Amino acid sequence: MTIDTKQLQKAVIENKKKHNFNTTDVKFELLLLYGEVNELFQAWLKEDQENINEELADVAIFLLGISEMLGSDLGEDIVKKMAVNAKRKYVHGKKIVIDD
């Protein structure tokens, strides 16, 4: 199954508009994202897998919406960042060198 993240971004914004939610205040959306990450953390602490899955989706939805608000393509940005990460060498999780 192929997922077009740019289409998902647009769908998130359209849903927000349809329900009269914020689509312009990035600072506010980042604050809400922080809240969703906290809810995910709380679900994880309780080992509540069903709620974990729901909160993961909420976090992703907020990231998609924020990306659309900022004019970014989250899918492309993730692919680029994964390529950078693949070239890194780590020692116990700490970056020490980036190969070019």
PDB file of N, CA and C in Angstrom:
ATOM      1  N   MET A   1       0.840  -1.181   0.000  1.00  0.00           N
ATOM      2  CA  MET A   1       0.000   0.000   0.000  1.00  0.00           C
ATOM      3  C   MET A   1       0.886   1.247   0.000  1.00  0.00           C
ATOM      4  N   THR A   2       0.618   2.141  -0.916  1.00  0.00           N
ATOM      5  CA  THR A   2       1.361   3.392  -1.017  1.00  0.00           C
ATOM      6  C   THR A   2       0.542   4.508  -0.378  1.00  0.00           C
ATOM      7  N   ILE A   3       1.215   5.299   0.430  1.00  0.00           N
ATOM      8  CA  ILE A   3       0.555   6.432   1.075  1.00  0.00           C
ATOM      9  C   ILE A   3       1.211   7.710   0.575  1.00  0.00           C
ATOM     10  N   ASP A   4       0.416   8.605   0.040  1.00  0.00           N
ATOM     11  CA  ASP A   4       0.900   9.902  -0.417  1.00  0.00           C
ATOM     12  C   ASP A   4       0.765  10.884   0.747  1.00  0.00           C
ATOM     13  N   THR A   5       1.887  11.184   1.388  1.00  0.00           N
ATOM     14  CA  THR A   5       1.829  12.044   2.572  1.00  0.00           C
ATOM     15  C   THR A   5       1.328  13.448   2.239  1.00  0.00           C
ATOM     16  N   LYS A   6       1.633  13.928   1.051  1.00  0.00           N
ATOM     17  CA  LYS A   6       1.166  15.271   0.675  1.00  0.00           C
ATOM     18  C   LYS A   6      -0.368  15.289   0.620  1.00  0.00           C
ATOM     19  N   GLN A   7      -0.972  14.215   0.105  1.00  0.00           N
ATOM     20  CA  GLN A   7      -2.435  14.136   0.082  1.00  0.00           C
ATOM     21  C   GLN A   7      -2.992  14.042   1.504  1.00  0.00           C
ATOM     22  N   LEU A   8      -2.303  13.291   2.363  1.00  0.00           N
ATOM     23  CA  LEU A   8      -2.726  13.211   3.763  1.00  0.00           C
ATOM     24  C   LEU A   8      -2.655  14.582   4.428  1.00  0.00           C
ATOM     25  N   GLN A   9      -1.589  15.333   4.151  1.00  0.00           N
ATOM     26  CA  GLN A   9      -1.453  16.680   4.708  1.00  0.00           C
ATOM     27  C   GLN A   9      -2.647  17.539   4.310  1.00  0.00           C
ATOM     28  N   LYS A  10      -2.986  17.494   3.033  1.00  0.00           N
ATOM     29  CA  LYS A  10      -4.111  18.293   2.538  1.00  0.00           C
ATOM     30  C   LYS A  10      -5.425  17.835   3.176  1.00  0.00           C
ATOM     31  N   ALA A  11      -5.594  16.521   3.340  1.00  0.00           N
ATOM     32  CA  ALA A  11      -6.811  15.983   3.951  1.00  0.00           C
ATOM     33  C   ALA A  11      -6.931  16.422   5.409  1.00  0.00           C
ATOM     34  N   VAL A  12      -5.820  16.457   6.124  1.00  0.00           N
ATOM     35  CA  VAL A  12      -5.837  16.907   7.518  1.00  0.00           C
ATOM     36  C   VAL A  12      -6.304  18.359   7.588  1.00  0.00           C
ATOM     37  N   ILE A  13      -5.753  19.204   6.735  1.00  0.00           N
ATOM     38  CA  ILE A  13      -6.135  20.625   6.742  1.00  0.00           C
ATOM     39  C   ILE A  13      -7.597  20.794   6.342  1.00  0.00           C
ATOM     40  N   GLU A  14      -8.040  20.056   5.343  1.00  0.00           N
ATOM     41  CA  GLU A  14      -9.446  20.153   4.921  1.00  0.00           C
ATOM     42  C   GLU A  14     -10.380  19.746   6.055  1.00  0.00           C
ATOM     43  N   ASN A  15     -10.023  18.697   6.790  1.00  0.00           N
ATOM     44  CA  ASN A  15     -10.843  18.273   7.925  1.00  0.00           C
ATOM     45  C   ASN A  15     -10.867  19.350   9.007  1.00  0.00           C
ATOM     46  N   LYS A  16      -9.729  19.974   9.249  1.00  0.00           N
ATOM     47  CA  LYS A  16      -9.675  21.055  10.238  1.00  0.00           C
ATOM     48  C   LYS A  16     -10.580  22.215   9.807  1.00  0.00           C
ATOM     49  N   LYS A  17     -10.511  22.580   8.532  1.00  0.00           N
ATOM     50  CA  LYS A  17     -11.348  23.671   8.022  1.00  0.00           C
ATOM     51  C   LYS A  17     -12.829  23.321   8.150  1.00  0.00           C
ATOM     52  N   LYS A  18     -13.159  22.080   7.801  1.00  0.00           N
ATOM     53  CA  LYS A  18     -14.548  21.618   7.851  1.00  0.00           C
ATOM     54  C   LYS A  18     -15.120  21.744   9.262  1.00  0.00           C
ATOM     55  N   HIS A  19     -14.285  21.541  10.266  1.00  0.00           N
ATOM     56  CA  HIS A  19     -14.742  21.581  11.657  1.00  0.00           C
ATOM     57  C   HIS A  19     -14.351  22.883  12.374  1.00  0.00           C
ATOM     58  N   ASN A  20     -13.944  23.875  11.578  1.00  0.00           N
ATOM     59  CA  ASN A  20     -13.577  25.200  12.104  1.00  0.00           C
ATOM     60  C   ASN A  20     -12.449  25.154  13.136  1.00  0.00           C
ATOM     61  N   PHE A  21     -11.479  24.267  12.912  1.00  0.00           N
ATOM     62  CA  PHE A  21     -10.297  24.213  13.765  1.00  0.00           C
ATOM     63  C   PHE A  21      -9.214  25.118  13.184  1.00  0.00           C
ATOM     64  N   ASN A  22      -8.224  25.407  13.988  1.00  0.00           N
ATOM     65  CA  ASN A  22      -7.105  26.257  13.593  1.00  0.00           C
ATOM     66  C   ASN A  22      -6.370  25.691  12.375  1.00  0.00           C
ATOM     67  N   THR A  23      -6.070  26.559  11.417  1.00  0.00           N
ATOM     68  CA  THR A  23      -5.245  26.162  10.267  1.00  0.00           C
ATOM     69  C   THR A  23      -4.171  27.200   9.964  1.00  0.00           C
ATOM     70  N   THR A  24      -3.987  28.170  10.852  1.00  0.00           N
ATOM     71  CA  THR A  24      -3.021  29.235  10.572  1.00  0.00           C
ATOM     72  C   THR A  24      -2.015  29.478  11.691  1.00  0.00           C
ATOM     73  N   ASP A  25      -2.343  29.156  12.917  1.00  0.00           N
ATOM     74  CA  ASP A  25      -1.482  29.456  14.061  1.00  0.00           C
ATOM     75  C   ASP A  25      -0.578  28.260  14.366  1.00  0.00           C
ATOM     76  N   VAL A  26       0.617  28.281  13.798  1.00  0.00           N
ATOM     77  CA  VAL A  26       1.557  27.162  13.941  1.00  0.00           C
ATOM     78  C   VAL A  26       1.967  26.985  15.399  1.00  0.00           C
ATOM     79  N   LYS A  27       2.195  28.078  16.096  1.00  0.00           N
ATOM     80  CA  LYS A  27       2.603  27.992  17.505  1.00  0.00           C
ATOM     81  C   LYS A  27       1.556  27.220  18.319  1.00  0.00           C
ATOM     82  N   PHE A  28       0.293  27.507  18.070  1.00  0.00           N
ATOM     83  CA  PHE A  28      -0.790  26.817  18.772  1.00  0.00           C
ATOM     84  C   PHE A  28      -0.800  25.329  18.421  1.00  0.00           C
ATOM     85  N   GLU A  29      -0.607  25.017  17.154  1.00  0.00           N
ATOM     86  CA  GLU A  29      -0.579  23.610  16.729  1.00  0.00           C
ATOM     87  C   GLU A  29       0.592  22.864  17.364  1.00  0.00           C
ATOM     88  N   LEU A  30       1.736  23.531  17.485  1.00  0.00           N
ATOM     89  CA  LEU A  30       2.886  22.897  18.141  1.00  0.00           C
ATOM     90  C   LEU A  30       2.587  22.620  19.609  1.00  0.00           C
ATOM     91  N   LEU A  31       1.876  23.520  20.247  1.00  0.00           N
ATOM     92  CA  LEU A  31       1.475  23.303  21.635  1.00  0.00           C
ATOM     93  C   LEU A  31       0.531  22.104  21.738  1.00  0.00           C
ATOM     94  N   LEU A  32      -0.422  22.016  20.819  1.00  0.00           N
ATOM     95  CA  LEU A  32      -1.334  20.874  20.810  1.00  0.00           C
ATOM     96  C   LEU A  32      -0.585  19.572  20.526  1.00  0.00           C
ATOM     97  N   LEU A  33       0.402  19.631  19.637  1.00  0.00           N
ATOM     98  CA  LEU A  33       1.227  18.452  19.349  1.00  0.00           C
ATOM     99  C   LEU A  33       1.929  17.979  20.612  1.00  0.00           C
ATOM    100  N   TYR A  34       2.461  18.919  21.371  1.00  0.00           N
ATOM    101  CA  TYR A  34       3.112  18.593  22.641  1.00  0.00           C
ATOM    102  C   TYR A  34       2.143  17.836  23.552  1.00  0.00           C
ATOM    103  N   GLY A  35       0.901  18.289  23.597  1.00  0.00           N
ATOM    104  CA  GLY A  35      -0.119  17.613  24.397  1.00  0.00           C
ATOM    105  C   GLY A  35      -0.382  16.202  23.916  1.00  0.00           C
ATOM    106  N   GLU A  36      -0.412  16.016  22.594  1.00  0.00           N
ATOM    107  CA  GLU A  36      -0.641  14.679  22.038  1.00  0.00           C
ATOM    108  C   GLU A  36       0.528  13.746  22.346  1.00  0.00           C
ATOM    109  N   VAL A  37       1.745  14.267  22.292  1.00  0.00           N
ATOM    110  CA  VAL A  37       2.916  13.451  22.635  1.00  0.00           C
ATOM    111  C   VAL A  37       2.837  13.044  24.106  1.00  0.00           C
ATOM    112  N   ASN A  38       2.385  13.947  24.960  1.00  0.00           N
ATOM    113  CA  ASN A  38       2.215  13.611  26.375  1.00  0.00           C
ATOM    114  C   ASN A  38       1.162  12.518  26.555  1.00  0.00           C
ATOM    115  N   GLU A  39       0.059  12.607  25.817  1.00  0.00           N
ATOM    116  CA  GLU A  39      -0.969  11.570  25.896  1.00  0.00           C
ATOM    117  C   GLU A  39      -0.413  10.222  25.437  1.00  0.00           C
ATOM    118  N   LEU A  40       0.427  10.237  24.405  1.00  0.00           N
ATOM    119  CA  LEU A  40       1.086   9.016  23.947  1.00  0.00           C
ATOM    120  C   LEU A  40       1.973   8.450  25.050  1.00  0.00           C
ATOM    121  N   PHE A  41       2.733   9.308  25.688  1.00  0.00           N
ATOM    122  CA  PHE A  41       3.617   8.877  26.771  1.00  0.00           C
ATOM    123  C   PHE A  41       2.813   8.258  27.916  1.00  0.00           C
ATOM    124  N   GLN A  42       1.701   8.892  28.269  1.00  0.00           N
ATOM    125  CA  GLN A  42       0.860   8.358  29.347  1.00  0.00           C
ATOM    126  C   GLN A  42       0.292   6.990  28.976  1.00  0.00           C
ATOM    127  N   ALA A  43      -0.131   6.827  27.728  1.00  0.00           N
ATOM    128  CA  ALA A  43      -0.639   5.527  27.274  1.00  0.00           C
ATOM    129  C   ALA A  43       0.457   4.474  27.317  1.00  0.00           C
ATOM    130  N   TRP A  44       1.655   4.870  26.932  1.00  0.00           N
ATOM    131  CA  TRP A  44       2.789   3.946  26.962  1.00  0.00           C
ATOM    132  C   TRP A  44       3.106   3.523  28.397  1.00  0.00           C
ATOM    133  N   LEU A  45       3.079   4.471  29.319  1.00  0.00           N
ATOM    134  CA  LEU A  45       3.326   4.144  30.729  1.00  0.00           C
ATOM    135  C   LEU A  45       2.323   3.119  31.250  1.00  0.00           C
ATOM    136  N   LYS A  46       1.080   3.207  30.771  1.00  0.00           N
ATOM    137  CA  LYS A  46       0.020   2.287  31.203  1.00  0.00           C
ATOM    138  C   LYS A  46       0.015   0.986  30.397  1.00  0.00           C
ATOM    139  N   GLU A  47       0.901   0.903  29.400  1.00  0.00           N
ATOM    140  CA  GLU A  47       0.973  -0.257  28.505  1.00  0.00           C
ATOM    141  C   GLU A  47      -0.382  -0.532  27.849  1.00  0.00           C
ATOM    142  N   ASP A  48      -1.072   0.536  27.471  1.00  0.00           N
ATOM    143  CA  ASP A  48      -2.394   0.476  26.850  1.00  0.00           C
ATOM    144  C   ASP A  48      -2.226   0.548  25.334  1.00  0.00           C
ATOM    145  N   GLN A  49      -2.032  -0.617  24.707  1.00  0.00           N
ATOM    146  CA  GLN A  49      -1.679  -0.662  23.288  1.00  0.00           C
ATOM    147  C   GLN A  49      -2.716  -0.002  22.395  1.00  0.00           C
ATOM    148  N   GLU A  50      -3.992  -0.213  22.680  1.00  0.00           N
ATOM    149  CA  GLU A  50      -5.032   0.403  21.851  1.00  0.00           C
ATOM    150  C   GLU A  50      -4.928   1.926  21.902  1.00  0.00           C
ATOM    151  N   ASN A  51      -4.734   2.465  23.087  1.00  0.00           N
ATOM    152  CA  ASN A  51      -4.599   3.912  23.233  1.00  0.00           C
ATOM    153  C   ASN A  51      -3.275   4.399  22.648  1.00  0.00           C
ATOM    154  N   ILE A  52      -2.223   3.603  22.778  1.00  0.00           N
ATOM    155  CA  ILE A  52      -0.932   3.950  22.161  1.00  0.00           C
ATOM    156  C   ILE A  52      -1.119   4.148  20.665  1.00  0.00           C
ATOM    157  N   ASN A  53      -1.797   3.203  20.020  1.00  0.00           N
ATOM    158  CA  ASN A  53      -2.019   3.289  18.572  1.00  0.00           C
ATOM    159  C   ASN A  53      -2.800   4.548  18.205  1.00  0.00           C
ATOM    160  N   GLU A  54      -3.825   4.851  18.992  1.00  0.00           N
ATOM    161  CA  GLU A  54      -4.634   6.039  18.726  1.00  0.00           C
ATOM    162  C   GLU A  54      -3.813   7.314  18.902  1.00  0.00           C
ATOM    163  N   GLU A  55      -3.011   7.357  19.944  1.00  0.00           N
ATOM    164  CA  GLU A  55      -2.199   8.552  20.194  1.00  0.00           C
ATOM    165  C   GLU A  55      -1.087   8.704  19.159  1.00  0.00           C
ATOM    166  N   LEU A  56      -0.518   7.590  18.702  1.00  0.00           N
ATOM    167  CA  LEU A  56       0.460   7.663  17.607  1.00  0.00           C
ATOM    168  C   LEU A  56      -0.179   8.298  16.378  1.00  0.00           C
ATOM    169  N   ALA A  57      -1.412   7.892  16.080  1.00  0.00           N
ATOM    170  CA  ALA A  57      -2.126   8.471  14.939  1.00  0.00           C
ATOM    171  C   ALA A  57      -2.371   9.962  15.157  1.00  0.00           C
ATOM    172  N   ASP A  58      -2.756  10.342  16.379  1.00  0.00           N
ATOM    173  CA  ASP A  58      -2.968  11.765  16.672  1.00  0.00           C
ATOM    174  C   ASP A  58      -1.695  12.574  16.457  1.00  0.00           C
ATOM    175  N   VAL A  59      -0.568  12.050  16.933  1.00  0.00           N
ATOM    176  CA  VAL A  59       0.717  12.742  16.745  1.00  0.00           C
ATOM    177  C   VAL A  59       1.006  12.901  15.255  1.00  0.00           C
ATOM    178  N   ALA A  60       0.804  11.824  14.495  1.00  0.00           N
ATOM    179  CA  ALA A  60       1.057  11.878  13.051  1.00  0.00           C
ATOM    180  C   ALA A  60       0.138  12.893  12.371  1.00  0.00           C
ATOM    181  N   ILE A  61      -1.119  12.916  12.764  1.00  0.00           N
ATOM    182  CA  ILE A  61      -2.072  13.861  12.176  1.00  0.00           C
ATOM    183  C   ILE A  61      -1.635  15.300  12.440  1.00  0.00           C
ATOM    184  N   PHE A  62      -1.207  15.582  13.661  1.00  0.00           N
ATOM    185  CA  PHE A  62      -0.734  16.938  13.956  1.00  0.00           C
ATOM    186  C   PHE A  62       0.519  17.266  13.146  1.00  0.00           C
ATOM    187  N   LEU A  63       1.448  16.316  13.019  1.00  0.00           N
ATOM    188  CA  LEU A  63       2.651  16.558  12.213  1.00  0.00           C
ATOM    189  C   LEU A  63       2.295  16.827  10.752  1.00  0.00           C
ATOM    190  N   LEU A  64       1.357  16.062  10.227  1.00  0.00           N
ATOM    191  CA  LEU A  64       0.925  16.272   8.841  1.00  0.00           C
ATOM    192  C   LEU A  64       0.296  17.656   8.671  1.00  0.00           C
ATOM    193  N   GLY A  65      -0.548  18.045   9.607  1.00  0.00           N
ATOM    194  CA  GLY A  65      -1.188  19.356   9.527  1.00  0.00           C
ATOM    195  C   GLY A  65      -0.190  20.493   9.625  1.00  0.00           C
ATOM    196  N   ILE A  66       0.725  20.387  10.567  1.00  0.00           N
ATOM    197  CA  ILE A  66       1.747  21.428  10.731  1.00  0.00           C
ATOM    198  C   ILE A  66       2.621  21.511   9.483  1.00  0.00           C
ATOM    199  N   SER A  67       2.968  20.365   8.919  1.00  0.00           N
ATOM    200  CA  SER A  67       3.771  20.352   7.693  1.00  0.00           C
ATOM    201  C   SER A  67       3.051  21.076   6.565  1.00  0.00           C
ATOM    202  N   GLU A  68       1.762  20.831   6.433  1.00  0.00           N
ATOM    203  CA  GLU A  68       0.986  21.506   5.390  1.00  0.00           C
ATOM    204  C   GLU A  68       0.917  23.008   5.663  1.00  0.00           C
ATOM    205  N   MET A  69       0.728  23.387   6.909  1.00  0.00           N
ATOM    206  CA  MET A  69       0.667  24.812   7.262  1.00  0.00           C
ATOM    207  C   MET A  69       1.978  25.515   6.930  1.00  0.00           C
ATOM    208  N   LEU A  70       3.095  24.794   7.055  1.00  0.00           N
ATOM    209  CA  LEU A  70       4.414  25.382   6.802  1.00  0.00           C
ATOM    210  C   LEU A  70       4.880  25.210   5.353  1.00  0.00           C
ATOM    211  N   GLY A  71       4.062  24.547   4.530  1.00  0.00           N
ATOM    212  CA  GLY A  71       4.420  24.361   3.128  1.00  0.00           C
ATOM    213  C   GLY A  71       5.487  23.306   2.900  1.00  0.00           C
ATOM    214  N   SER A  72       5.630  22.392   3.832  1.00  0.00           N
ATOM    215  CA  SER A  72       6.622  21.320   3.709  1.00  0.00           C
ATOM    216  C   SER A  72       5.956  20.056   3.190  1.00  0.00           C
ATOM    217  N   ASP A  73       6.758  19.164   2.627  1.00  0.00           N
ATOM    218  CA  ASP A  73       6.290  17.835   2.241  1.00  0.00           C
ATOM    219  C   ASP A  73       6.917  16.862   3.232  1.00  0.00           C
ATOM    220  N   LEU A  74       6.145  16.459   4.229  1.00  0.00           N
ATOM    221  CA  LEU A  74       6.677  15.639   5.315  1.00  0.00           C
ATOM    222  C   LEU A  74       7.269  14.329   4.806  1.00  0.00           C
ATOM    223  N   GLY A  75       6.634  13.716   3.822  1.00  0.00           N
ATOM    224  CA  GLY A  75       7.154  12.464   3.270  1.00  0.00           C
ATOM    225  C   GLY A  75       8.541  12.637   2.681  1.00  0.00           C
ATOM    226  N   GLU A  76       8.714  13.667   1.867  1.00  0.00           N
ATOM    227  CA  GLU A  76      10.031  13.946   1.281  1.00  0.00           C
ATOM    228  C   GLU A  76      11.048  14.293   2.360  1.00  0.00           C
ATOM    229  N   ASP A  77      10.619  15.064   3.340  1.00  0.00           N
ATOM    230  CA  ASP A  77      11.531  15.455   4.421  1.00  0.00           C
ATOM    231  C   ASP A  77      12.001  14.243   5.219  1.00  0.00           C
ATOM    232  N   ILE A  78      11.105  13.292   5.448  1.00  0.00           N
ATOM    233  CA  ILE A  78      11.477  12.071   6.173  1.00  0.00           C
ATOM    234  C   ILE A  78      12.472  11.254   5.370  1.00  0.00           C
ATOM    235  N   VAL A  79      12.223  11.097   4.078  1.00  0.00           N
ATOM    236  CA  VAL A  79      13.140  10.326   3.224  1.00  0.00           C
ATOM    237  C   VAL A  79      14.526  10.963   3.220  1.00  0.00           C
ATOM    238  N   LYS A  80      14.585  12.285   3.093  1.00  0.00           N
ATOM    239  CA  LYS A  80      15.878  12.988   3.105  1.00  0.00           C
ATOM    240  C   LYS A  80      16.598  12.793   4.431  1.00  0.00           C
ATOM    241  N   LYS A  81      15.871  12.921   5.525  1.00  0.00           N
ATOM    242  CA  LYS A  81      16.484  12.795   6.851  1.00  0.00           C
ATOM    243  C   LYS A  81      16.948  11.362   7.113  1.00  0.00           C
ATOM    244  N   MET A  82      16.194  10.381   6.640  1.00  0.00           N
ATOM    245  CA  MET A  82      16.611   8.985   6.799  1.00  0.00           C
ATOM    246  C   MET A  82      17.899   8.712   6.034  1.00  0.00           C
ATOM    247  N   ALA A  83      18.069   9.349   4.872  1.00  0.00           N
ATOM    248  CA  ALA A  83      19.305   9.192   4.101  1.00  0.00           C
ATOM    249  C   ALA A  83      20.487   9.770   4.868  1.00  0.00           C
ATOM    250  N   VAL A  84      20.292  10.920   5.508  1.00  0.00           N
ATOM    251  CA  VAL A  84      21.348  11.513   6.335  1.00  0.00           C
ATOM    252  C   VAL A  84      21.667  10.587   7.502  1.00  0.00           C
ATOM    253  N   ASN A  85      20.631  10.100   8.173  1.00  0.00           N
ATOM    254  CA  ASN A  85      20.835   9.221   9.324  1.00  0.00           C
ATOM    255  C   ASN A  85      21.548   7.930   8.942  1.00  0.00           C
ATOM    256  N   ALA A  86      21.290   7.421   7.742  1.00  0.00           N
ATOM    257  CA  ALA A  86      21.909   6.170   7.298  1.00  0.00           C
ATOM    258  C   ALA A  86      23.421   6.311   7.154  1.00  0.00           C
ATOM    259  N   LYS A  87      23.897   7.529   6.919  1.00  0.00           N
ATOM    260  CA  LYS A  87      25.331   7.762   6.735  1.00  0.00           C
ATOM    261  C   LYS A  87      26.061   8.011   8.049  1.00  0.00           C
ATOM    262  N   ARG A  88      25.334   8.177   9.114  1.00  0.00           N
ATOM    263  CA  ARG A  88      25.955   8.487  10.402  1.00  0.00           C
ATOM    264  C   ARG A  88      26.561   7.241  11.027  1.00  0.00           C
ATOM    265  N   LYS A  89      27.630   7.466  11.757  1.00  0.00           N
ATOM    266  CA  LYS A  89      28.213   6.404  12.572  1.00  0.00           C
ATOM    267  C   LYS A  89      27.950   6.771  14.022  1.00  0.00           C
ATOM    268  N   TYR A  90      27.535   5.795  14.794  1.00  0.00           N
ATOM    269  CA  TYR A  90      27.159   6.040  16.184  1.00  0.00           C
ATOM    270  C   TYR A  90      28.002   5.194  17.131  1.00  0.00           C
ATOM    271  N   VAL A  91      28.217   5.713  18.316  1.00  0.00           N
ATOM    272  CA  VAL A  91      28.803   4.955  19.414  1.00  0.00           C
ATOM    273  C   VAL A  91      27.824   5.087  20.573  1.00  0.00           C
ATOM    274  N   HIS A  92      27.196   3.990  20.953  1.00  0.00           N
ATOM    275  CA  HIS A  92      26.213   3.993  22.039  1.00  0.00           C
ATOM    276  C   HIS A  92      25.145   5.064  21.822  1.00  0.00           C
ATOM    277  N   GLY A  93      24.688   5.192  20.556  1.00  0.00           N
ATOM    278  CA  GLY A  93      23.622   6.128  20.245  1.00  0.00           C
ATOM    279  C   GLY A  93      24.050   7.562  20.047  1.00  0.00           C
ATOM    280  N   LYS A  94      25.335   7.857  20.153  1.00  0.00           N
ATOM    281  CA  LYS A  94      25.798   9.232  19.971  1.00  0.00           C
ATOM    282  C   LYS A  94      26.448   9.380  18.600  1.00  0.00           C
ATOM    283  N   LYS A  95      26.074  10.440  17.900  1.00  0.00           N
ATOM    284  CA  LYS A  95      26.643  10.707  16.584  1.00  0.00           C
ATOM    285  C   LYS A  95      28.097  11.125  16.757  1.00  0.00           C
ATOM    286  N   ILE A  96      28.994  10.504  15.968  1.00  0.00           N
ATOM    287  CA  ILE A  96      30.387  10.934  16.025  1.00  0.00           C
ATOM    288  C   ILE A  96      30.908  11.398  14.674  1.00  0.00           C
ATOM    289  N   VAL A  97      30.401  10.829  13.567  1.00  0.00           N
ATOM    290  CA  VAL A  97      30.908  11.174  12.239  1.00  0.00           C
ATOM    291  C   VAL A  97      29.766  11.064  11.239  1.00  0.00           C
ATOM    292  N   ILE A  98      29.774  11.957  10.250  1.00  0.00           N
ATOM    293  CA  ILE A  98      28.868  11.826   9.116  1.00  0.00           C
ATOM    294  C   ILE A  98      29.722  11.569   7.893  1.00  0.00           C
ATOM    295  N   ASP A  99      29.490  10.425   7.234  1.00  0.00           N
ATOM    296  CA  ASP A  99      30.207  10.107   6.000  1.00  0.00           C
ATOM    297  C   ASP A  99      29.558  10.849   4.846  1.00  0.00           C
ATOM    298  N   ASP A 100      30.373  11.391   3.956  1.00  0.00           N
ATOM    299  CA  ASP A 100      29.822  12.074   2.772  1.00  0.00           C
ATOM    300  C   ASP A 100      29.845  11.184   1.571  1.00  0.00           C
TER     301      ASP A 100
END
